[in-house]
Protein backbone atom coordinates (compact mmCIF):
# COMPACT_ATOMS: atom_id res chain seq x y z
CA UNK A 1 0.00 0.00 0.00
CA UNK A 2 2.65 2.46 1.05
CA UNK A 3 4.72 1.56 -2.02
CA UNK A 4 1.91 2.55 -4.39
CA UNK A 5 1.46 5.93 -2.72
CA UNK A 6 5.20 6.57 -2.61
CA UNK A 7 5.55 5.68 -6.28
CA UNK A 8 2.67 8.01 -7.16
CA UNK A 9 4.26 10.83 -5.18
CA UNK A 10 7.45 10.47 -7.23
CA UNK A 11 5.59 11.10 -10.47
CA UNK A 12 4.72 14.55 -11.73
CA UNK A 13 2.05 16.24 -13.81
CA UNK A 14 -0.32 14.14 -15.89
CA UNK A 15 1.45 10.88 -15.00
CA UNK A 16 0.77 11.52 -11.34
CA UNK A 17 -2.92 12.29 -11.90
CA UNK A 18 -3.41 9.21 -14.09
CA UNK A 19 -1.55 7.01 -11.61
CA UNK A 20 -3.67 8.30 -8.72
CA UNK A 21 -6.88 7.67 -10.68
CA UNK A 22 -5.73 4.17 -11.54
CA UNK A 23 -4.94 3.44 -7.90
CA UNK A 24 -7.69 5.51 -6.29
CA UNK A 25 -8.86 2.68 -3.99
CA UNK A 26 -5.35 2.20 -2.64
CA UNK A 27 -5.05 5.96 -2.05
CA UNK A 28 -8.38 6.04 -0.19
CA UNK A 29 -7.37 3.08 1.95
CA UNK A 30 -4.01 4.72 2.64
CA UNK A 31 -5.71 7.94 3.78
CA UNK A 32 -8.15 6.02 5.98
CA UNK A 33 -5.32 4.04 7.61
CA UNK A 34 -3.31 7.22 8.12
CA UNK A 35 -6.24 8.96 9.86
CA UNK A 36 -6.92 5.92 12.06
CA UNK A 37 -3.28 5.76 13.15
CA UNK A 38 -3.31 9.48 13.95
CA UNK A 39 -6.55 9.02 15.91
CA UNK A 40 -4.78 6.35 17.99
CA UNK A 41 -1.87 8.71 18.59
CA UNK A 42 0.56 7.00 16.25
CA UNK A 43 2.43 9.61 14.24
CA UNK A 44 5.10 7.48 12.66
CA UNK A 45 5.46 3.73 12.23
CA UNK A 46 8.73 2.13 13.33
CA UNK A 47 11.27 1.32 10.66
CA UNK A 48 11.57 -2.16 9.18
CA UNK A 49 14.98 -2.50 10.84
CA UNK A 50 13.52 -1.71 14.27
CA UNK A 51 10.58 -4.10 13.75
CA UNK A 52 12.89 -6.90 12.57
CA UNK A 53 15.17 -6.28 15.55
CA UNK A 54 12.20 -6.57 17.93
CA UNK A 55 10.99 -9.74 16.19
CA UNK A 56 14.46 -11.27 16.57
CA UNK A 57 14.53 -10.29 20.24
CA UNK A 58 11.10 -11.87 20.81
CA UNK A 59 12.17 -15.05 19.02
CA UNK A 60 15.26 -15.31 21.25
CA UNK A 61 13.10 -14.76 24.32
CA UNK A 62 10.64 -17.41 23.12
CA UNK A 63 13.49 -19.85 22.58
CA UNK A 64 14.81 -19.24 26.10
CA UNK A 65 11.30 -19.69 27.54
CA UNK A 66 10.91 -22.98 25.67
CA UNK A 67 14.19 -24.24 27.12
CA UNK A 68 12.98 -23.35 30.62
CA UNK A 69 9.66 -25.08 29.92
CA UNK A 70 11.44 -28.24 28.80
CA UNK A 71 13.55 -28.29 31.98
CA UNK A 72 10.43 -27.80 34.09
CA UNK A 73 8.67 -30.64 32.27
CA UNK A 74 11.60 -32.95 33.02
CA UNK A 75 11.54 -31.91 36.69
CA UNK A 76 7.79 -32.47 36.84
CA UNK A 77 8.15 -36.00 35.44
CA UNK A 78 10.83 -36.80 38.02
CA UNK A 79 8.67 -35.44 40.85
CA UNK A 80 5.64 -37.40 39.65
CA UNK A 81 7.78 -40.55 39.62
CA UNK A 82 8.97 -39.86 43.16
CA UNK A 83 5.41 -39.21 44.29
CA UNK A 84 4.22 -42.44 42.70
CA UNK A 85 7.04 -44.43 44.31
CA UNK A 86 6.34 -42.83 47.68
CA UNK A 87 2.61 -43.61 47.45
CA UNK A 88 3.38 -47.22 46.51
CA UNK A 89 5.80 -47.47 49.41
CA UNK A 90 3.18 -46.13 51.83
CA UNK A 91 0.55 -48.52 50.49
CA UNK A 92 2.93 -51.45 50.78
CA UNK A 93 3.96 -50.41 54.30
CA UNK A 94 0.34 -49.96 55.42
CA UNK A 95 -0.62 -53.33 53.95
CA UNK A 96 2.34 -55.03 55.64
CA UNK A 97 1.45 -53.46 58.99
CA UNK A 98 -2.18 -54.57 58.68
CA UNK A 99 -1.13 -58.11 57.76
CA UNK A 100 1.31 -58.20 60.65
CA UNK A 101 -1.30 -56.93 63.12
CA UNK A 102 -3.82 -59.46 61.83
CA UNK A 103 -1.43 -62.36 62.31
CA UNK A 104 -0.56 -61.13 65.80
CA UNK A 105 -4.19 -61.16 66.85
CA UNK A 106 -5.24 -64.20 64.77
CA UNK A 107 -7.71 -62.18 62.75
CA UNK A 108 -8.62 -62.05 59.11
CA UNK A 109 -6.61 -59.25 57.52
CA UNK A 110 -8.61 -56.27 56.26
CA UNK A 111 -7.00 -54.57 53.32
């Protein structure tokens, strides 16, 4: 869009008028977008270099966050394994105690 308007602004005389007529919809859209940006308080858009730099920075940040997420997932799996082992150990210990108590008192074990 901006390229069409810039190209038209470089022309002069009749060529400019004909070009603007040919691309009148693009010019109208350009004016509408310009007014909307001004209404939002945006006077000038950042340069391509600045935008690309910010995109690169965000990609690096995303990559770092993914690495942290992967480490946390590994830790979570380890902790879930420990929890599972601990619960099994408690269940086994409780069962053994109940069986032992039942044999001490000559009762039927209740599990």
